[in-house]
Amino acid sequence: MAKEATKNILLRLDPELAERLQTIAAVEGRSVSEVAREAIAELVDRRRADTDFSRLLEENLTRHEESLRRLRGDG
Protein backbone atom coordinates (compact mmCIF):
# COMPACT_ATOMS: atom_id res chain seq x y z
CA MET A 1 0.00 0.00 0.00
CA ALA A 2 1.28 3.44 -0.90
CA LYS A 3 2.25 5.93 1.80
CA GLU A 4 -1.09 7.71 1.92
CA ALA A 5 -3.23 8.91 4.76
CA THR A 6 -4.84 6.12 6.75
CA LYS A 7 -7.32 5.96 9.57
CA ASN A 8 -6.80 3.76 12.60
CA ILE A 9 -9.75 1.57 13.53
CA LEU A 10 -9.97 -0.69 16.55
CA LEU A 11 -11.21 -4.09 15.39
CA ARG A 12 -12.22 -6.70 17.93
CA LEU A 13 -12.02 -10.31 16.76
CA ASP A 14 -12.66 -13.50 18.62
CA PRO A 15 -9.37 -15.25 19.42
CA GLU A 16 -9.84 -18.06 16.90
CA LEU A 17 -10.50 -15.68 14.01
CA ALA A 18 -7.57 -13.48 15.07
CA GLU A 19 -5.27 -16.53 15.04
CA ARG A 20 -6.46 -17.54 11.58
CA LEU A 21 -5.89 -14.00 10.30
CA GLN A 22 -2.39 -13.95 11.80
CA THR A 23 -1.64 -17.34 10.23
CA ILE A 24 -2.73 -16.16 6.79
CA ALA A 25 -0.60 -13.03 7.12
CA ALA A 26 2.42 -15.03 8.28
CA VAL A 27 2.12 -17.61 5.48
CA GLU A 28 1.80 -14.86 2.86
CA GLY A 29 4.59 -12.77 4.39
CA ARG A 30 2.31 -9.78 4.87
CA SER A 31 1.09 -7.78 7.82
CA VAL A 32 -2.22 -8.53 9.50
CA SER A 33 -3.28 -5.00 8.52
CA GLU A 34 -2.61 -5.68 4.84
CA VAL A 35 -4.62 -8.89 4.88
CA ALA A 36 -7.49 -7.24 6.78
CA ARG A 37 -7.52 -4.24 4.39
CA GLU A 38 -7.72 -6.60 1.42
CA ALA A 39 -10.58 -8.58 2.95
CA ILE A 40 -12.49 -5.43 3.86
CA ALA A 41 -11.98 -3.93 0.40
CA GLU A 42 -13.35 -7.14 -1.17
CA LEU A 43 -16.40 -7.02 1.12
CA VAL A 44 -17.07 -3.37 0.27
CA ASP A 45 -16.80 -4.12 -3.47
CA ARG A 46 -19.24 -7.04 -3.13
CA ARG A 47 -21.72 -4.89 -1.20
CA ARG A 48 -21.52 -2.10 -3.79
CA ALA A 49 -22.57 -4.60 -6.48
CA ASP A 50 -25.27 -6.24 -4.32
CA THR A 51 -28.81 -5.14 -5.24
CA ASP A 52 -30.24 -6.25 -1.88
CA PHE A 53 -27.67 -4.12 -0.07
CA SER A 54 -28.47 -1.16 -2.34
CA ARG A 55 -32.14 -1.52 -1.45
CA LEU A 56 -31.32 -1.57 2.28
CA LEU A 57 -29.14 1.49 1.84
CA GLU A 58 -31.96 3.38 0.14
CA GLU A 59 -34.39 2.36 2.89
CA ASN A 60 -31.97 3.60 5.55
CA LEU A 61 -31.39 6.89 3.74
CA THR A 62 -35.12 7.47 3.48
CA ARG A 63 -35.63 6.69 7.16
CA HIS A 64 -32.83 9.06 8.19
CA GLU A 65 -34.13 11.83 5.93
CA GLU A 66 -37.55 11.49 7.58
CA SER A 67 -35.94 11.65 11.04
CA LEU A 68 -34.02 14.80 10.09
CA ARG A 69 -37.20 16.46 8.82
CA ARG A 70 -38.95 15.67 12.11
CA LEU A 71 -36.03 17.04 14.13
CA ARG A 72 -36.06 20.27 12.12
CA GLY A 73 -39.83 20.48 12.50
CA ASP A 74 -40.39 20.09 8.75
CA GLY A 75 -42.69 17.14 8.98
PDB file of N, CA and C in Angstrom:
ATOM      1  N   MET A   1       0.845  -1.189   0.000  1.00  0.00           N
ATOM      2  CA  MET A   1       0.000   0.000   0.000  1.00  0.00           C
ATOM      3  C   MET A   1       0.875   1.232   0.000  1.00  0.00           C
ATOM      4  N   ALA A   2       0.518   2.205  -0.792  1.00  0.00           N
ATOM      5  CA  ALA A   2       1.281   3.442  -0.898  1.00  0.00           C
ATOM      6  C   ALA A   2       1.222   4.218   0.403  1.00  0.00           C
ATOM      7  N   LYS A   3       2.202   5.088   0.597  1.00  0.00           N
ATOM      8  CA  LYS A   3       2.253   5.933   1.801  1.00  0.00           C
ATOM      9  C   LYS A   3       1.225   7.044   1.678  1.00  0.00           C
ATOM     10  N   GLU A   4      -0.014   6.731   1.962  1.00  0.00           N
ATOM     11  CA  GLU A   4      -1.091   7.711   1.924  1.00  0.00           C
ATOM     12  C   GLU A   4      -1.740   7.774   3.296  1.00  0.00           C
ATOM     13  N   ALA A   5      -2.565   8.757   3.476  1.00  0.00           N
ATOM     14  CA  ALA A   5      -3.230   8.912   4.764  1.00  0.00           C
ATOM     15  C   ALA A   5      -4.072   7.682   5.075  1.00  0.00           C
ATOM     16  N   THR A   6      -4.023   7.250   6.308  1.00  0.00           N
ATOM     17  CA  THR A   6      -4.836   6.123   6.751  1.00  0.00           C
ATOM     18  C   THR A   6      -5.571   6.520   8.015  1.00  0.00           C
ATOM     19  N   LYS A   7      -6.553   5.737   8.353  1.00  0.00           N
ATOM     20  CA  LYS A   7      -7.322   5.958   9.572  1.00  0.00           C
ATOM     21  C   LYS A   7      -7.212   4.705  10.425  1.00  0.00           C
ATOM     22  N   ASN A   8      -6.877   4.885  11.676  1.00  0.00           N
ATOM     23  CA  ASN A   8      -6.800   3.758  12.596  1.00  0.00           C
ATOM     24  C   ASN A   8      -8.203   3.395  13.062  1.00  0.00           C
ATOM     25  N   ILE A   9      -8.478   2.092  13.060  1.00  0.00           N
ATOM     26  CA  ILE A   9      -9.754   1.574  13.535  1.00  0.00           C
ATOM     27  C   ILE A   9      -9.462   0.413  14.468  1.00  0.00           C
ATOM     28  N   LEU A  10     -10.104   0.415  15.615  1.00  0.00           N
ATOM     29  CA  LEU A  10      -9.972  -0.695  16.547  1.00  0.00           C
ATOM     30  C   LEU A  10     -10.930  -1.794  16.089  1.00  0.00           C
ATOM     31  N   LEU A  11     -10.409  -2.966  15.867  1.00  0.00           N
ATOM     32  CA  LEU A  11     -11.211  -4.089  15.389  1.00  0.00           C
ATOM     33  C   LEU A  11     -11.105  -5.219  16.405  1.00  0.00           C
ATOM     34  N   ARG A  12     -12.213  -5.608  16.954  1.00  0.00           N
ATOM     35  CA  ARG A  12     -12.225  -6.697  17.934  1.00  0.00           C
ATOM     36  C   ARG A  12     -12.620  -7.997  17.227  1.00  0.00           C
ATOM     37  N   LEU A  13     -11.771  -8.996  17.367  1.00  0.00           N
ATOM     38  CA  LEU A  13     -12.020 -10.308  16.763  1.00  0.00           C
ATOM     39  C   LEU A  13     -11.982 -11.359  17.857  1.00  0.00           C
ATOM     40  N   ASP A  14     -12.767 -12.413  17.656  1.00  0.00           N
ATOM     41  CA  ASP A  14     -12.657 -13.502  18.619  1.00  0.00           C
ATOM     42  C   ASP A  14     -11.272 -14.138  18.425  1.00  0.00           C
ATOM     43  N   PRO A  15     -10.736 -14.744  19.479  1.00  0.00           N
ATOM     44  CA  PRO A  15      -9.365 -15.254  19.425  1.00  0.00           C
ATOM     45  C   PRO A  15      -9.093 -16.229  18.274  1.00  0.00           C
ATOM     46  N   GLU A  16     -10.052 -17.080  17.976  1.00  0.00           N
ATOM     47  CA  GLU A  16      -9.845 -18.062  16.899  1.00  0.00           C
ATOM     48  C   GLU A  16      -9.715 -17.370  15.545  1.00  0.00           C
ATOM     49  N   LEU A  17     -10.580 -16.406  15.276  1.00  0.00           N
ATOM     50  CA  LEU A  17     -10.502 -15.679  14.012  1.00  0.00           C
ATOM     51  C   LEU A  17      -9.212 -14.863  13.931  1.00  0.00           C
ATOM     52  N   ALA A  18      -8.818 -14.253  15.036  1.00  0.00           N
ATOM     53  CA  ALA A  18      -7.571 -13.480  15.072  1.00  0.00           C
ATOM     54  C   ALA A  18      -6.374 -14.377  14.758  1.00  0.00           C
ATOM     55  N   GLU A  19      -6.368 -15.586  15.318  1.00  0.00           N
ATOM     56  CA  GLU A  19      -5.274 -16.533  15.044  1.00  0.00           C
ATOM     57  C   GLU A  19      -5.237 -16.925  13.578  1.00  0.00           C
ATOM     58  N   ARG A  20      -6.401 -17.168  13.004  1.00  0.00           N
ATOM     59  CA  ARG A  20      -6.458 -17.536  11.584  1.00  0.00           C
ATOM     60  C   ARG A  20      -5.951 -16.400  10.711  1.00  0.00           C
ATOM     61  N   LEU A  21      -6.353 -15.181  11.048  1.00  0.00           N
ATOM     62  CA  LEU A  21      -5.895 -14.003  10.304  1.00  0.00           C
ATOM     63  C   LEU A  21      -4.379 -13.865  10.409  1.00  0.00           C
ATOM     64  N   GLN A  22      -3.839 -14.037  11.612  1.00  0.00           N
ATOM     65  CA  GLN A  22      -2.390 -13.950  11.804  1.00  0.00           C
ATOM     66  C   GLN A  22      -1.667 -15.047  11.031  1.00  0.00           C
ATOM     67  N   THR A  23      -2.251 -16.237  10.981  1.00  0.00           N
ATOM     68  CA  THR A  23      -1.639 -17.338  10.232  1.00  0.00           C
ATOM     69  C   THR A  23      -1.586 -17.024   8.748  1.00  0.00           C
ATOM     70  N   ILE A  24      -2.695 -16.524   8.209  1.00  0.00           N
ATOM     71  CA  ILE A  24      -2.728 -16.159   6.789  1.00  0.00           C
ATOM     72  C   ILE A  24      -1.660 -15.119   6.493  1.00  0.00           C
ATOM     73  N   ALA A  25      -1.588 -14.089   7.327  1.00  0.00           N
ATOM     74  CA  ALA A  25      -0.601 -13.033   7.123  1.00  0.00           C
ATOM     75  C   ALA A  25       0.815 -13.600   7.172  1.00  0.00           C
ATOM     76  N   ALA A  26       1.086 -14.456   8.142  1.00  0.00           N
ATOM     77  CA  ALA A  26       2.424 -15.035   8.276  1.00  0.00           C
ATOM     78  C   ALA A  26       2.791 -15.887   7.067  1.00  0.00           C
ATOM     79  N   VAL A  27       1.864 -16.729   6.624  1.00  0.00           N
ATOM     80  CA  VAL A  27       2.118 -17.609   5.480  1.00  0.00           C
ATOM     81  C   VAL A  27       2.387 -16.787   4.220  1.00  0.00           C
ATOM     82  N   GLU A  28       1.642 -15.700   4.056  1.00  0.00           N
ATOM     83  CA  GLU A  28       1.795 -14.862   2.863  1.00  0.00           C
ATOM     84  C   GLU A  28       2.909 -13.826   3.012  1.00  0.00           C
ATOM     85  N   GLY A  29       3.512 -13.729   4.181  1.00  0.00           N
ATOM     86  CA  GLY A  29       4.593 -12.774   4.387  1.00  0.00           C
ATOM     87  C   GLY A  29       4.107 -11.327   4.364  1.00  0.00           C
ATOM     88  N   ARG A  30       2.882 -11.126   4.847  1.00  0.00           N
ATOM     89  CA  ARG A  30       2.305  -9.778   4.868  1.00  0.00           C
ATOM     90  C   ARG A  30       1.880  -9.443   6.289  1.00  0.00           C
ATOM     91  N   SER A  31       1.567  -8.175   6.502  1.00  0.00           N
ATOM     92  CA  SER A  31       1.091  -7.783   7.823  1.00  0.00           C
ATOM     93  C   SER A  31      -0.387  -8.148   7.972  1.00  0.00           C
ATOM     94  N   VAL A  32      -0.814  -8.278   9.213  1.00  0.00           N
ATOM     95  CA  VAL A  32      -2.220  -8.529   9.496  1.00  0.00           C
ATOM     96  C   VAL A  32      -3.054  -7.380   8.928  1.00  0.00           C
ATOM     97  N   SER A  33      -2.556  -6.163   9.053  1.00  0.00           N
ATOM     98  CA  SER A  33      -3.280  -5.001   8.519  1.00  0.00           C
ATOM     99  C   SER A  33      -3.491  -5.105   7.019  1.00  0.00           C
ATOM    100  N   GLU A  34      -2.468  -5.532   6.296  1.00  0.00           N
ATOM    101  CA  GLU A  34      -2.608  -5.678   4.840  1.00  0.00           C
ATOM    102  C   GLU A  34      -3.684  -6.702   4.481  1.00  0.00           C
ATOM    103  N   VAL A  35      -3.646  -7.837   5.162  1.00  0.00           N
ATOM    104  CA  VAL A  35      -4.619  -8.894   4.883  1.00  0.00           C
ATOM    105  C   VAL A  35      -6.030  -8.417   5.233  1.00  0.00           C
ATOM    106  N   ALA A  36      -6.177  -7.745   6.364  1.00  0.00           N
ATOM    107  CA  ALA A  36      -7.487  -7.242   6.781  1.00  0.00           C
ATOM    108  C   ALA A  36      -7.988  -6.182   5.803  1.00  0.00           C
ATOM    109  N   ARG A  37      -7.115  -5.266   5.368  1.00  0.00           N
ATOM    110  CA  ARG A  37      -7.525  -4.239   4.391  1.00  0.00           C
ATOM    111  C   ARG A  37      -8.022  -4.879   3.105  1.00  0.00           C
ATOM    112  N   GLU A  38      -7.310  -5.902   2.637  1.00  0.00           N
ATOM    113  CA  GLU A  38      -7.715  -6.596   1.415  1.00  0.00           C
ATOM    114  C   GLU A  38      -9.097  -7.240   1.579  1.00  0.00           C
ATOM    115  N   ALA A  39      -9.300  -7.914   2.709  1.00  0.00           N
ATOM    116  CA  ALA A  39     -10.582  -8.580   2.952  1.00  0.00           C
ATOM    117  C   ALA A  39     -11.714  -7.565   3.044  1.00  0.00           C
ATOM    118  N   ILE A  40     -11.462  -6.456   3.721  1.00  0.00           N
ATOM    119  CA  ILE A  40     -12.491  -5.427   3.861  1.00  0.00           C
ATOM    120  C   ILE A  40     -12.795  -4.789   2.518  1.00  0.00           C
ATOM    121  N   ALA A  41     -11.775  -4.520   1.729  1.00  0.00           N
ATOM    122  CA  ALA A  41     -11.983  -3.933   0.397  1.00  0.00           C
ATOM    123  C   ALA A  41     -12.824  -4.863  -0.474  1.00  0.00           C
ATOM    124  N   GLU A  42     -12.567  -6.174  -0.402  1.00  0.00           N
ATOM    125  CA  GLU A  42     -13.353  -7.142  -1.172  1.00  0.00           C
ATOM    126  C   GLU A  42     -14.813  -7.148  -0.713  1.00  0.00           C
ATOM    127  N   LEU A  43     -15.037  -7.066   0.588  1.00  0.00           N
ATOM    128  CA  LEU A  43     -16.398  -7.018   1.121  1.00  0.00           C
ATOM    129  C   LEU A  43     -17.122  -5.767   0.637  1.00  0.00           C
ATOM    130  N   VAL A  44     -16.457  -4.632   0.712  1.00  0.00           N
ATOM    131  CA  VAL A  44     -17.065  -3.373   0.268  1.00  0.00           C
ATOM    132  C   VAL A  44     -17.418  -3.451  -1.214  1.00  0.00           C
ATOM    133  N   ASP A  45     -16.524  -3.986  -2.032  1.00  0.00           N
ATOM    134  CA  ASP A  45     -16.802  -4.122  -3.470  1.00  0.00           C
ATOM    135  C   ASP A  45     -17.999  -5.031  -3.720  1.00  0.00           C
ATOM    136  N   ARG A  46     -18.088  -6.142  -2.969  1.00  0.00           N
ATOM    137  CA  ARG A  46     -19.239  -7.044  -3.129  1.00  0.00           C
ATOM    138  C   ARG A  46     -20.536  -6.348  -2.744  1.00  0.00           C
ATOM    139  N   ARG A  47     -20.518  -5.599  -1.639  1.00  0.00           N
ATOM    140  CA  ARG A  47     -21.724  -4.893  -1.203  1.00  0.00           C
ATOM    141  C   ARG A  47     -22.145  -3.837  -2.224  1.00  0.00           C
ATOM    142  N   ARG A  48     -21.190  -3.145  -2.806  1.00  0.00           N
ATOM    143  CA  ARG A  48     -21.519  -2.105  -3.790  1.00  0.00           C
ATOM    144  C   ARG A  48     -22.230  -2.690  -5.009  1.00  0.00           C
ATOM    145  N   ALA A  49     -21.950  -3.950  -5.318  1.00  0.00           N
ATOM    146  CA  ALA A  49     -22.572  -4.602  -6.476  1.00  0.00           C
ATOM    147  C   ALA A  49     -23.824  -5.392  -6.099  1.00  0.00           C
ATOM    148  N   ASP A  50     -24.172  -5.427  -4.831  1.00  0.00           N
ATOM    149  CA  ASP A  50     -25.272  -6.237  -4.322  1.00  0.00           C
ATOM    150  C   ASP A  50     -26.575  -5.427  -4.344  1.00  0.00           C
ATOM    151  N   THR A  51     -27.553  -5.880  -5.119  1.00  0.00           N
ATOM    152  CA  THR A  51     -28.810  -5.136  -5.237  1.00  0.00           C
ATOM    153  C   THR A  51     -29.605  -5.135  -3.931  1.00  0.00           C
ATOM    154  N   ASP A  52     -29.541  -6.229  -3.168  1.00  0.00           N
ATOM    155  CA  ASP A  52     -30.235  -6.254  -1.879  1.00  0.00           C
ATOM    156  C   ASP A  52     -29.639  -5.221  -0.923  1.00  0.00           C
ATOM    157  N   PHE A  53     -28.314  -5.119  -0.920  1.00  0.00           N
ATOM    158  CA  PHE A  53     -27.668  -4.119  -0.074  1.00  0.00           C
ATOM    159  C   PHE A  53     -28.046  -2.705  -0.520  1.00  0.00           C
ATOM    160  N   SER A  54     -28.084  -2.482  -1.818  1.00  0.00           N
ATOM    161  CA  SER A  54     -28.468  -1.159  -2.336  1.00  0.00           C
ATOM    162  C   SER A  54     -29.878  -0.791  -1.890  1.00  0.00           C
ATOM    163  N   ARG A  55     -30.772  -1.763  -1.899  1.00  0.00           N
ATOM    164  CA  ARG A  55     -32.137  -1.522  -1.445  1.00  0.00           C
ATOM    165  C   ARG A  55     -32.151  -1.149   0.035  1.00  0.00           C
ATOM    166  N   LEU A  56     -31.405  -1.879   0.849  1.00  0.00           N
ATOM    167  CA  LEU A  56     -31.323  -1.570   2.278  1.00  0.00           C
ATOM    168  C   LEU A  56     -30.732  -0.180   2.512  1.00  0.00           C
ATOM    169  N   LEU A  57     -29.750   0.169   1.731  1.00  0.00           N
ATOM    170  CA  LEU A  57     -29.139   1.486   1.842  1.00  0.00           C
ATOM    171  C   LEU A  57     -30.157   2.577   1.550  1.00  0.00           C
ATOM    172  N   GLU A  58     -30.926   2.399   0.483  1.00  0.00           N
ATOM    173  CA  GLU A  58     -31.962   3.379   0.135  1.00  0.00           C
ATOM    174  C   GLU A  58     -33.006   3.492   1.240  1.00  0.00           C
ATOM    175  N   GLU A  59     -33.417   2.354   1.800  1.00  0.00           N
ATOM    176  CA  GLU A  59     -34.394   2.364   2.892  1.00  0.00           C
ATOM    177  C   GLU A  59     -33.849   3.130   4.101  1.00  0.00           C
ATOM    178  N   ASN A  60     -32.584   2.903   4.425  1.00  0.00           N
ATOM    179  CA  ASN A  60     -31.966   3.600   5.555  1.00  0.00           C
ATOM    180  C   ASN A  60     -31.861   5.092   5.293  1.00  0.00           C
ATOM    181  N   LEU A  61     -31.482   5.462   4.077  1.00  0.00           N
ATOM    182  CA  LEU A  61     -31.385   6.886   3.741  1.00  0.00           C
ATOM    183  C   LEU A  61     -32.738   7.565   3.877  1.00  0.00           C
ATOM    184  N   THR A  62     -33.773   6.916   3.395  1.00  0.00           N
ATOM    185  CA  THR A  62     -35.121   7.469   3.480  1.00  0.00           C
ATOM    186  C   THR A  62     -35.537   7.640   4.935  1.00  0.00           C
ATOM    187  N   ARG A  63     -35.278   6.627   5.740  1.00  0.00           N
ATOM    188  CA  ARG A  63     -35.633   6.686   7.164  1.00  0.00           C
ATOM    189  C   ARG A  63     -34.888   7.822   7.863  1.00  0.00           C
ATOM    190  N   HIS A  64     -33.613   7.995   7.561  1.00  0.00           N
ATOM    191  CA  HIS A  64     -32.830   9.058   8.195  1.00  0.00           C
ATOM    192  C   HIS A  64     -33.272  10.444   7.711  1.00  0.00           C
ATOM    193  N   GLU A  65     -33.624  10.542   6.451  1.00  0.00           N
ATOM    194  CA  GLU A  65     -34.128  11.825   5.935  1.00  0.00           C
ATOM    195  C   GLU A  65     -35.423  12.203   6.652  1.00  0.00           C
ATOM    196  N   GLU A  66     -36.292  11.230   6.862  1.00  0.00           N
ATOM    197  CA  GLU A  66     -37.545  11.488   7.575  1.00  0.00           C
ATOM    198  C   GLU A  66     -37.266  11.922   9.013  1.00  0.00           C
ATOM    199  N   SER A  67     -36.303  11.276   9.668  1.00  0.00           N
ATOM    200  CA  SER A  67     -35.940  11.654  11.038  1.00  0.00           C
ATOM    201  C   SER A  67     -35.400  13.077  11.089  1.00  0.00           C
ATOM    202  N   LEU A  68     -34.566  13.436  10.141  1.00  0.00           N
ATOM    203  CA  LEU A  68     -34.017  14.797  10.093  1.00  0.00           C
ATOM    204  C   LEU A  68     -35.119  15.833   9.900  1.00  0.00           C
ATOM    205  N   ARG A  69     -36.075  15.526   9.031  1.00  0.00           N
ATOM    206  CA  ARG A  69     -37.200  16.460   8.817  1.00  0.00           C
ATOM    207  C   ARG A  69     -37.984  16.666  10.109  1.00  0.00           C
ATOM    208  N   ARG A  70     -38.220  15.567  10.838  1.00  0.00           N
ATOM    209  CA  ARG A  70     -38.951  15.671  12.110  1.00  0.00           C
ATOM    210  C   ARG A  70     -38.151  16.492  13.122  1.00  0.00           C
ATOM    211  N   LEU A  71     -36.856  16.279  13.192  1.00  0.00           N
ATOM    212  CA  LEU A  71     -36.034  17.040  14.128  1.00  0.00           C
ATOM    213  C   LEU A  71     -36.023  18.535  13.814  1.00  0.00           C
ATOM    214  N   ARG A  72     -36.041  18.856  12.522  1.00  0.00           N
ATOM    215  CA  ARG A  72     -36.064  20.273  12.123  1.00  0.00           C
ATOM    216  C   ARG A  72     -37.457  20.875  12.269  1.00  0.00           C
ATOM    217  N   GLY A  73     -38.456  20.000  12.425  1.00  0.00           N
ATOM    218  CA  GLY A  73     -39.826  20.482  12.501  1.00  0.00           C
ATOM    219  C   GLY A  73     -40.474  20.648  11.141  1.00  0.00           C
ATOM    220  N   ASP A  74     -39.874  19.996  10.132  1.00  0.00           N
ATOM    221  CA  ASP A  74     -40.389  20.093   8.754  1.00  0.00           C
ATOM    222  C   ASP A  74     -41.520  19.092   8.484  1.00  0.00           C
ATOM    223  N   GLY A  75     -41.719  18.157   9.339  1.00  0.00           N
ATOM    224  CA  GLY A  75     -42.693  17.141   8.985  1.00  0.00           C
ATOM    225  C   GLY A  75     -43.133  16.329  10.063  1.00  0.00           C
TER     226      GLY A  75
END
